[in-house]
PDB file of all heavy atoms in Angstrom:
ATOM      1  N   HIS A   1     106.525 116.630  45.539  1.00  0.00           N
ATOM      2  CA  HIS A   1     107.530 116.032  46.449  1.00  0.00           C
ATOM      3  C   HIS A   1     108.573 117.107  46.833  1.00  0.00           C
ATOM      4  O   HIS A   1     109.799 116.850  46.734  1.00  0.00           O
ATOM      5  CB  HIS A   1     108.140 114.759  45.946  1.00  0.00           C
ATOM      6  CG  HIS A   1     107.158 113.641  45.878  1.00  0.00           C
ATOM      7  ND1 HIS A   1     107.428 112.516  45.153  1.00  0.00           N
ATOM      8  CD2 HIS A   1     105.995 113.421  46.442  1.00  0.00           C
ATOM      9  CE1 HIS A   1     106.376 111.657  45.289  1.00  0.00           C
ATOM     10  NE2 HIS A   1     105.525 112.199  46.025  1.00  0.00           N
ATOM     11  N   GLY A   2     108.141 118.315  47.107  1.00  0.00           N
ATOM     12  CA  GLY A   2     109.134 119.385  47.404  1.00  0.00           C
ATOM     13  C   GLY A   2     109.932 119.032  48.611  1.00  0.00           C
ATOM     14  O   GLY A   2     109.505 118.434  49.614  1.00  0.00           O
ATOM     15  N   LEU A   3     111.210 119.539  48.591  1.00  0.00           N
ATOM     16  CA  LEU A   3     112.162 119.374  49.672  1.00  0.00           C
ATOM     17  C   LEU A   3     112.010 120.428  50.710  1.00  0.00           C
ATOM     18  O   LEU A   3     111.480 121.513  50.356  1.00  0.00           O
ATOM     19  CB  LEU A   3     113.575 119.310  49.205  1.00  0.00           C
ATOM     20  CG  LEU A   3     113.851 118.145  48.059  1.00  0.00           C
ATOM     21  CD1 LEU A   3     115.324 118.159  47.633  1.00  0.00           C
ATOM     22  CD2 LEU A   3     113.443 116.742  48.626  1.00  0.00           C
ATOM     23  N   HIS A   4     112.622 120.319  51.867  1.00  0.00           N
ATOM     24  CA  HIS A   4     112.559 121.324  52.862  1.00  0.00           C
ATOM     25  C   HIS A   4     113.381 122.531  52.316  1.00  0.00           C
ATOM     26  O   HIS A   4     114.275 122.367  51.562  1.00  0.00           O
ATOM     27  CB  HIS A   4     113.227 120.824  54.158  1.00  0.00           C
ATOM     28  CG  HIS A   4     112.290 119.868  54.896  1.00  0.00           C
ATOM     29  ND1 HIS A   4     111.110 120.283  55.404  1.00  0.00           N
ATOM     30  CD2 HIS A   4     112.447 118.610  55.161  1.00  0.00           C
ATOM     31  CE1 HIS A   4     110.532 119.167  56.056  1.00  0.00           C
ATOM     32  NE2 HIS A   4     111.310 118.150  55.845  1.00  0.00           N
ATOM     33  N   GLN A   5     113.017 123.733  52.892  1.00  0.00           N
ATOM     34  CA  GLN A   5     113.803 124.950  52.553  1.00  0.00           C
ATOM     35  C   GLN A   5     114.088 125.802  53.787  1.00  0.00           C
ATOM     36  O   GLN A   5     113.455 125.578  54.780  1.00  0.00           O
ATOM     37  CB  GLN A   5     113.002 125.784  51.492  1.00  0.00           C
ATOM     38  CG  GLN A   5     111.706 126.243  51.936  1.00  0.00           C
ATOM     39  CD  GLN A   5     110.849 126.978  50.834  1.00  0.00           C
ATOM     40  OE1 GLN A   5     111.413 127.339  49.836  1.00  0.00           O
ATOM     41  NE2 GLN A   5     109.597 127.174  51.116  1.00  0.00           N
ATOM     42  N   GLN A   6     115.072 126.628  53.605  1.00  0.00           N
ATOM     43  CA  GLN A   6     115.400 127.504  54.675  1.00  0.00           C
ATOM     44  C   GLN A   6     114.399 128.568  54.911  1.00  0.00           C
ATOM     45  O   GLN A   6     113.610 128.845  53.980  1.00  0.00           O
ATOM     46  CB  GLN A   6     116.666 128.272  54.357  1.00  0.00           C
ATOM     47  CG  GLN A   6     117.978 127.278  54.399  1.00  0.00           C
ATOM     48  CD  GLN A   6     118.504 127.060  55.823  1.00  0.00           C
ATOM     49  OE1 GLN A   6     117.660 127.325  56.779  1.00  0.00           O
ATOM     50  NE2 GLN A   6     119.683 126.663  55.970  1.00  0.00           N
ATOM     51  N   GLY A   7     114.313 129.194  56.095  1.00  0.00           N
ATOM     52  CA  GLY A   7     113.402 130.258  56.438  1.00  0.00           C
ATOM     53  C   GLY A   7     112.217 129.798  57.263  1.00  0.00           C
ATOM     54  O   GLY A   7     111.896 128.605  57.251  1.00  0.00           O
ATOM     55  N   GLY A   8     111.508 130.724  57.827  1.00  0.00           N
ATOM     56  CA  GLY A   8     110.412 130.388  58.672  1.00  0.00           C
ATOM     57  C   GLY A   8     109.163 130.509  58.068  1.00  0.00           C
ATOM     58  O   GLY A   8     108.980 131.113  56.955  1.00  0.00           O
ATOM     59  N   VAL A   9     108.095 129.891  58.687  1.00  0.00           N
ATOM     60  CA  VAL A   9     106.709 129.985  58.150  1.00  0.00           C
ATOM     61  C   VAL A   9     106.266 131.455  58.175  1.00  0.00           C
ATOM     62  O   VAL A   9     106.493 132.268  59.077  1.00  0.00           O
ATOM     63  CB  VAL A   9     105.784 129.168  59.155  1.00  0.00           C
ATOM     64  CG1 VAL A   9     104.336 129.455  58.881  1.00  0.00           C
ATOM     65  CG2 VAL A   9     106.163 127.689  59.021  1.00  0.00           C
ATOM     66  N   GLN A  10     105.563 131.881  57.080  1.00  0.00           N
ATOM     67  CA  GLN A  10     105.099 133.210  56.947  1.00  0.00           C
ATOM     68  C   GLN A  10     103.590 133.307  56.830  1.00  0.00           C
ATOM     69  O   GLN A  10     102.898 132.312  56.384  1.00  0.00           O
ATOM     70  CB  GLN A  10     105.747 133.826  55.640  1.00  0.00           C
ATOM     71  CG  GLN A  10     107.303 133.798  55.635  1.00  0.00           C
ATOM     72  CD  GLN A  10     107.891 134.629  56.776  1.00  0.00           C
ATOM     73  OE1 GLN A  10     107.358 135.677  57.031  1.00  0.00           O
ATOM     74  NE2 GLN A  10     108.842 134.150  57.400  1.00  0.00           N
ATOM     75  N   ALA A  11     103.029 134.412  57.246  1.00  0.00           N
ATOM     76  CA  ALA A  11     101.580 134.607  57.054  1.00  0.00           C
ATOM     77  C   ALA A  11     101.274 134.456  55.546  1.00  0.00           C
ATOM     78  O   ALA A  11     101.959 134.952  54.679  1.00  0.00           O
ATOM     79  CB  ALA A  11     101.202 136.010  57.463  1.00  0.00           C
ATOM     80  N   GLY A  12     100.131 133.813  55.278  1.00  0.00           N
ATOM     81  CA  GLY A  12      99.678 133.597  53.904  1.00  0.00           C
ATOM     82  C   GLY A  12     100.213 132.285  53.303  1.00  0.00           C
ATOM     83  O   GLY A  12      99.798 131.854  52.184  1.00  0.00           O
ATOM     84  N   ASP A  13     101.218 131.545  53.995  1.00  0.00           N
ATOM     85  CA  ASP A  13     101.764 130.381  53.460  1.00  0.00           C
ATOM     86  C   ASP A  13     100.715 129.283  53.324  1.00  0.00           C
ATOM     87  O   ASP A  13      99.806 129.125  54.286  1.00  0.00           O
ATOM     88  CB  ASP A  13     102.913 129.820  54.314  1.00  0.00           C
ATOM     89  CG  ASP A  13     104.207 130.450  54.047  1.00  0.00           C
ATOM     90  OD1 ASP A  13     104.390 131.006  52.975  1.00  0.00           O
ATOM     91  OD2 ASP A  13     105.188 130.212  54.813  1.00  0.00           O
ATOM     92  N   THR A  14     100.780 128.444  52.304  1.00  0.00           N
ATOM     93  CA  THR A  14     100.138 127.195  52.225  1.00  0.00           C
ATOM     94  C   THR A  14     101.203 126.169  52.754  1.00  0.00           C
ATOM     95  O   THR A  14     102.348 126.200  52.387  1.00  0.00           O
ATOM     96  CB  THR A  14      99.778 126.848  50.707  1.00  0.00           C
ATOM     97  OG1 THR A  14      98.887 127.787  50.271  1.00  0.00           O
ATOM     98  CG2 THR A  14      99.229 125.444  50.663  1.00  0.00           C
ATOM     99  N   LEU A  15     100.690 125.251  53.566  1.00  0.00           N
ATOM    100  CA  LEU A  15     101.526 124.188  54.110  1.00  0.00           C
ATOM    101  C   LEU A  15     100.945 122.866  53.576  1.00  0.00           C
ATOM    102  O   LEU A  15      99.762 122.659  53.635  1.00  0.00           O
ATOM    103  CB  LEU A  15     101.551 124.167  55.638  1.00  0.00           C
ATOM    104  CG  LEU A  15     101.808 125.489  56.353  1.00  0.00           C
ATOM    105  CD1 LEU A  15     101.799 125.300  57.850  1.00  0.00           C
ATOM    106  CD2 LEU A  15     103.128 126.087  55.957  1.00  0.00           C
ATOM    107  N   VAL A  16     101.841 122.008  53.205  1.00  0.00           N
ATOM    108  CA  VAL A  16     101.441 120.591  52.822  1.00  0.00           C
ATOM    109  C   VAL A  16     102.194 119.628  53.762  1.00  0.00           C
ATOM    110  O   VAL A  16     103.441 119.798  53.842  1.00  0.00           O
ATOM    111  CB  VAL A  16     101.655 120.233  51.357  1.00  0.00           C
ATOM    112  CG1 VAL A  16     101.370 118.706  51.150  1.00  0.00           C
ATOM    113  CG2 VAL A  16     100.771 121.069  50.435  1.00  0.00           C
ATOM    114  N   THR A  17     101.477 118.805  54.519  1.00  0.00           N
ATOM    115  CA  THR A  17     102.079 118.069  55.548  1.00  0.00           C
ATOM    116  C   THR A  17     102.055 116.533  55.167  1.00  0.00           C
ATOM    117  O   THR A  17     101.449 116.065  54.217  1.00  0.00           O
ATOM    118  CB  THR A  17     101.269 118.163  56.852  1.00  0.00           C
ATOM    119  OG1 THR A  17     100.012 117.540  56.719  1.00  0.00           O
ATOM    120  CG2 THR A  17     101.001 119.642  57.259  1.00  0.00           C
ATOM    121  N   GLY A  18     102.895 115.778  55.937  1.00  0.00           N
ATOM    122  CA  GLY A  18     102.885 114.350  55.838  1.00  0.00           C
ATOM    123  C   GLY A  18     103.031 113.747  57.215  1.00  0.00           C
ATOM    124  O   GLY A  18     103.890 114.260  57.967  1.00  0.00           O
ATOM    125  N   ALA A  19     102.355 112.668  57.584  1.00  0.00           N
ATOM    126  CA  ALA A  19     102.532 112.108  58.846  1.00  0.00           C
ATOM    127  C   ALA A  19     102.265 110.596  58.715  1.00  0.00           C
ATOM    128  O   ALA A  19     101.386 110.208  57.846  1.00  0.00           O
ATOM    129  CB  ALA A  19     101.648 112.710  59.917  1.00  0.00           C
ATOM    130  N   TYR A  20     102.985 109.792  59.513  1.00  0.00           N
ATOM    131  CA  TYR A  20     102.643 108.351  59.460  1.00  0.00           C
ATOM    132  C   TYR A  20     103.137 107.705  60.724  1.00  0.00           C
ATOM    133  O   TYR A  20     104.011 108.217  61.477  1.00  0.00           O
ATOM    134  CB  TYR A  20     103.309 107.678  58.264  1.00  0.00           C
ATOM    135  CG  TYR A  20     104.871 107.755  58.219  1.00  0.00           C
ATOM    136  CD1 TYR A  20     105.632 106.739  58.777  1.00  0.00           C
ATOM    137  CD2 TYR A  20     105.528 108.846  57.763  1.00  0.00           C
ATOM    138  CE1 TYR A  20     107.016 106.777  58.796  1.00  0.00           C
ATOM    139  CE2 TYR A  20     106.958 108.948  57.702  1.00  0.00           C
ATOM    140  CZ  TYR A  20     107.668 107.882  58.277  1.00  0.00           C
ATOM    141  OH  TYR A  20     109.060 107.954  58.255  1.00  0.00           O
ATOM    142  N   GLY A  21     102.591 106.494  60.958  1.00  0.00           N
ATOM    143  CA  GLY A  21     103.100 105.645  62.028  1.00  0.00           C
ATOM    144  C   GLY A  21     103.529 104.349  61.386  1.00  0.00           C
ATOM    145  O   GLY A  21     103.238 104.055  60.373  1.00  0.00           O
ATOM    146  N   VAL A  22     104.438 103.688  62.102  1.00  0.00           N
ATOM    147  CA  VAL A  22     104.907 102.353  61.721  1.00  0.00           C
ATOM    148  C   VAL A  22     104.726 101.336  62.901  1.00  0.00           C
ATOM    149  O   VAL A  22     105.329 101.572  63.999  1.00  0.00           O
ATOM    150  CB  VAL A  22     106.371 102.355  61.294  1.00  0.00           C
ATOM    151  CG1 VAL A  22     106.756 100.970  60.763  1.00  0.00           C
ATOM    152  CG2 VAL A  22     106.610 103.410  60.198  1.00  0.00           C
ATOM    153  N   VAL A  23     103.891 100.313  62.740  1.00  0.00           N
ATOM    154  CA  VAL A  23     103.615  99.408  63.812  1.00  0.00           C
ATOM    155  C   VAL A  23     103.799  97.974  63.164  1.00  0.00           C
ATOM    156  O   VAL A  23     103.095  97.643  62.192  1.00  0.00           O
ATOM    157  CB  VAL A  23     102.204  99.591  64.395  1.00  0.00           C
ATOM    158  CG1 VAL A  23     101.938  98.531  65.439  1.00  0.00           C
ATOM    159  CG2 VAL A  23     102.123 101.042  65.008  1.00  0.00           C
ATOM    160  N   GLY A  24     104.626  97.236  63.758  1.00  0.00           N
ATOM    161  CA  GLY A  24     104.833  95.779  63.264  1.00  0.00           C
ATOM    162  C   GLY A  24     105.365  95.764  61.828  1.00  0.00           C
ATOM    163  O   GLY A  24     105.190  94.761  61.137  1.00  0.00           O
ATOM    164  N   GLY A  25     106.019  96.886  61.425  1.00  0.00           N
ATOM    165  CA  GLY A  25     106.553  96.962  60.124  1.00  0.00           C
ATOM    166  C   GLY A  25     105.578  97.584  59.065  1.00  0.00           C
ATOM    167  O   GLY A  25     105.912  97.848  58.000  1.00  0.00           O
ATOM    168  N   TYR A  26     104.340  97.856  59.538  1.00  0.00           N
ATOM    169  CA  TYR A  26     103.298  98.349  58.608  1.00  0.00           C
ATOM    170  C   TYR A  26     103.032  99.790  58.798  1.00  0.00           C
ATOM    171  O   TYR A  26     103.068 100.293  59.924  1.00  0.00           O
ATOM    172  CB  TYR A  26     101.914  97.593  58.819  1.00  0.00           C
ATOM    173  CG  TYR A  26     102.035  96.162  58.286  1.00  0.00           C
ATOM    174  CD1 TYR A  26     102.642  95.100  58.996  1.00  0.00           C
ATOM    175  CD2 TYR A  26     101.551  95.852  57.042  1.00  0.00           C
ATOM    176  CE1 TYR A  26     102.742  93.865  58.504  1.00  0.00           C
ATOM    177  CE2 TYR A  26     101.658  94.612  56.448  1.00  0.00           C
ATOM    178  CZ  TYR A  26     102.236  93.615  57.224  1.00  0.00           C
ATOM    179  OH  TYR A  26     102.344  92.358  56.748  1.00  0.00           O
ATOM    180  N   GLU A  27     102.858 100.539  57.676  1.00  0.00           N
ATOM    181  CA  GLU A  27     102.746 102.016  57.684  1.00  0.00           C
ATOM    182  C   GLU A  27     101.412 102.504  57.573  1.00  0.00           C
ATOM    183  O   GLU A  27     100.472 101.818  57.083  1.00  0.00           O
ATOM    184  CB  GLU A  27     103.659 102.590  56.572  1.00  0.00           C
ATOM    185  CG  GLU A  27     105.099 102.235  56.642  1.00  0.00           C
ATOM    186  CD  GLU A  27     105.935 103.001  55.631  1.00  0.00           C
ATOM    187  OE1 GLU A  27     105.394 103.918  54.920  1.00  0.00           O
ATOM    188  OE2 GLU A  27     107.163 102.542  55.352  1.00  0.00           O
ATOM    189  N   SER A  28     101.168 103.739  57.936  1.00  0.00           N
ATOM    190  CA  SER A  28      99.917 104.505  57.653  1.00  0.00           C
ATOM    191  C   SER A  28     100.346 105.647  56.795  1.00  0.00           C
ATOM    192  O   SER A  28     101.530 105.899  56.558  1.00  0.00           O
ATOM    193  CB  SER A  28      99.281 104.949  58.949  1.00  0.00           C
ATOM    194  OG  SER A  28     100.164 105.922  59.585  1.00  0.00           O
ATOM    195  N   GLU A  29      99.330 106.368  56.332  1.00  0.00           N
ATOM    196  CA  GLU A  29      99.598 107.616  55.569  1.00  0.00           C
ATOM    197  C   GLU A  29      98.558 108.652  55.856  1.00  0.00           C
ATOM    198  O   GLU A  29      97.344 108.369  55.884  1.00  0.00           O
ATOM    199  CB  GLU A  29      99.646 107.306  54.015  1.00  0.00           C
ATOM    200  CG  GLU A  29      99.956 108.531  53.187  1.00  0.00           C
ATOM    201  CD  GLU A  29     100.279 108.134  51.786  1.00  0.00           C
ATOM    202  OE1 GLU A  29     101.066 107.286  51.508  1.00  0.00           O
ATOM    203  OE2 GLU A  29      99.800 108.899  50.817  1.00  0.00           O
ATOM    204  N   LEU A  30      99.006 109.860  56.036  1.00  0.00           N
ATOM    205  CA  LEU A  30      98.180 111.029  56.380  1.00  0.00           C
ATOM    206  C   LEU A  30      98.890 112.266  55.806  1.00  0.00           C
ATOM    207  O   LEU A  30     100.018 112.499  56.060  1.00  0.00           O
ATOM    208  CB  LEU A  30      97.963 111.169  57.872  1.00  0.00           C
ATOM    209  CG  LEU A  30      97.323 112.494  58.371  1.00  0.00           C
ATOM    210  CD1 LEU A  30      95.815 112.497  57.948  1.00  0.00           C
ATOM    211  CD2 LEU A  30      97.499 112.639  59.839  1.00  0.00           C
ATOM    212  N   GLU A  31      98.151 112.996  54.994  1.00  0.00           N
ATOM    213  CA  GLU A  31      98.666 114.341  54.524  1.00  0.00           C
ATOM    214  C   GLU A  31      97.515 115.433  54.644  1.00  0.00           C
ATOM    215  O   GLU A  31      96.353 114.973  54.420  1.00  0.00           O
ATOM    216  CB  GLU A  31      99.105 114.217  53.111  1.00  0.00           C
ATOM    217  CG  GLU A  31     100.332 113.292  52.955  1.00  0.00           C
ATOM    218  CD  GLU A  31     100.696 113.022  51.438  1.00  0.00           C
ATOM    219  OE1 GLU A  31      99.859 113.326  50.587  1.00  0.00           O
ATOM    220  OE2 GLU A  31     101.847 112.486  51.235  1.00  0.00           O
ATOM    221  N   ARG A  32      97.897 116.558  54.905  1.00  0.00           N
ATOM    222  CA  ARG A  32      96.937 117.683  54.915  1.00  0.00           C
ATOM    223  C   ARG A  32      97.482 118.958  54.338  1.00  0.00           C
ATOM    224  O   ARG A  32      98.685 119.183  54.348  1.00  0.00           O
ATOM    225  CB  ARG A  32      96.534 117.927  56.407  1.00  0.00           C
ATOM    226  CG  ARG A  32      95.626 116.798  57.065  1.00  0.00           C
ATOM    227  CD  ARG A  32      94.323 116.754  56.530  1.00  0.00           C
ATOM    228  NE  ARG A  32      93.472 115.736  57.130  1.00  0.00           N
ATOM    229  CZ  ARG A  32      93.343 114.502  56.590  1.00  0.00           C
ATOM    230  NH1 ARG A  32      94.027 114.126  55.482  1.00  0.00           N
ATOM    231  NH2 ARG A  32      92.602 113.595  57.228  1.00  0.00           N
ATOM    232  N   THR A  33      96.559 119.759  53.872  1.00  0.00           N
ATOM    233  CA  THR A  33      96.849 121.132  53.340  1.00  0.00           C
ATOM    234  C   THR A  33      96.345 122.076  54.404  1.00  0.00           C
ATOM    235  O   THR A  33      95.210 122.017  54.922  1.00  0.00           O
ATOM    236  CB  THR A  33      96.097 121.410  52.085  1.00  0.00           C
ATOM    237  OG1 THR A  33      96.577 120.419  51.095  1.00  0.00           O
ATOM    238  CG2 THR A  33      96.430 122.772  51.500  1.00  0.00           C
ATOM    239  N   MET A  34      97.235 122.934  54.874  1.00  0.00           N
ATOM    240  CA  MET A  34      96.877 123.915  55.918  1.00  0.00           C
ATOM    241  C   MET A  34      97.326 125.337  55.427  1.00  0.00           C
ATOM    242  O   MET A  34      98.077 125.463  54.542  1.00  0.00           O
ATOM    243  CB  MET A  34      97.613 123.589  57.251  1.00  0.00           C
ATOM    244  CG  MET A  34      97.377 122.166  57.817  1.00  0.00           C
ATOM    245  SD  MET A  34      97.850 121.894  59.476  1.00  0.00           S
ATOM    246  CE  MET A  34      99.651 122.175  59.355  1.00  0.00           C
ATOM    247  N   PHE A  35      96.807 126.367  56.089  1.00  0.00           N
ATOM    248  CA  PHE A  35      97.103 127.675  55.795  1.00  0.00           C
ATOM    249  C   PHE A  35      97.446 128.548  57.035  1.00  0.00           C
ATOM    250  O   PHE A  35      96.906 128.265  58.113  1.00  0.00           O
ATOM    251  CB  PHE A  35      95.806 128.353  55.113  1.00  0.00           C
ATOM    252  CG  PHE A  35      95.359 127.654  53.917  1.00  0.00           C
ATOM    253  CD1 PHE A  35      94.233 126.804  53.935  1.00  0.00           C
ATOM    254  CD2 PHE A  35      96.060 127.703  52.705  1.00  0.00           C
ATOM    255  CE1 PHE A  35      93.812 126.147  52.816  1.00  0.00           C
ATOM    256  CE2 PHE A  35      95.662 127.023  51.620  1.00  0.00           C
ATOM    257  CZ  PHE A  35      94.558 126.186  51.653  1.00  0.00           C
ATOM    258  N   VAL A  36      98.376 129.423  56.807  1.00  0.00           N
ATOM    259  CA  VAL A  36      98.786 130.291  57.912  1.00  0.00           C
ATOM    260  C   VAL A  36      98.109 131.580  57.845  1.00  0.00           C
ATOM    261  O   VAL A  36      98.262 132.400  56.875  1.00  0.00           O
ATOM    262  CB  VAL A  36     100.349 130.542  57.766  1.00  0.00           C
ATOM    263  CG1 VAL A  36     100.790 131.345  58.977  1.00  0.00           C
ATOM    264  CG2 VAL A  36     101.074 129.199  57.764  1.00  0.00           C
ATOM    265  N   GLY A  37      97.195 131.817  58.842  1.00  0.00           N
ATOM    266  CA  GLY A  37      96.295 132.939  58.760  1.00  0.00           C
ATOM    267  C   GLY A  37      95.049 132.664  57.927  1.00  0.00           C
ATOM    268  O   GLY A  37      94.853 131.494  57.480  1.00  0.00           O
ATOM    269  N   GLU A  38      94.290 133.710  57.626  1.00  0.00           N
ATOM    270  CA  GLU A  38      93.093 133.484  56.790  1.00  0.00           C
ATOM    271  C   GLU A  38      93.465 133.259  55.346  1.00  0.00           C
ATOM    272  O   GLU A  38      94.204 134.034  54.754  1.00  0.00           O
ATOM    273  CB  GLU A  38      92.165 134.762  56.834  1.00  0.00           C
ATOM    274  CG  GLU A  38      91.471 134.864  58.224  1.00  0.00           C
ATOM    275  CD  GLU A  38      90.517 133.672  58.462  1.00  0.00           C
ATOM    276  OE1 GLU A  38      89.785 133.267  57.472  1.00  0.00           O
ATOM    277  OE2 GLU A  38      90.542 133.170  59.603  1.00  0.00           O
TER     278      GLU A  38
END
């Protein structure tokens, strides 16, 4: 549950994402692991 940090995205970074919608009070959950560059 890492917090946001200063600085920009760098080549070689691992990114862990989170996204959700809320409809009628009900939530979804989506998370992905992404990479910057190869």
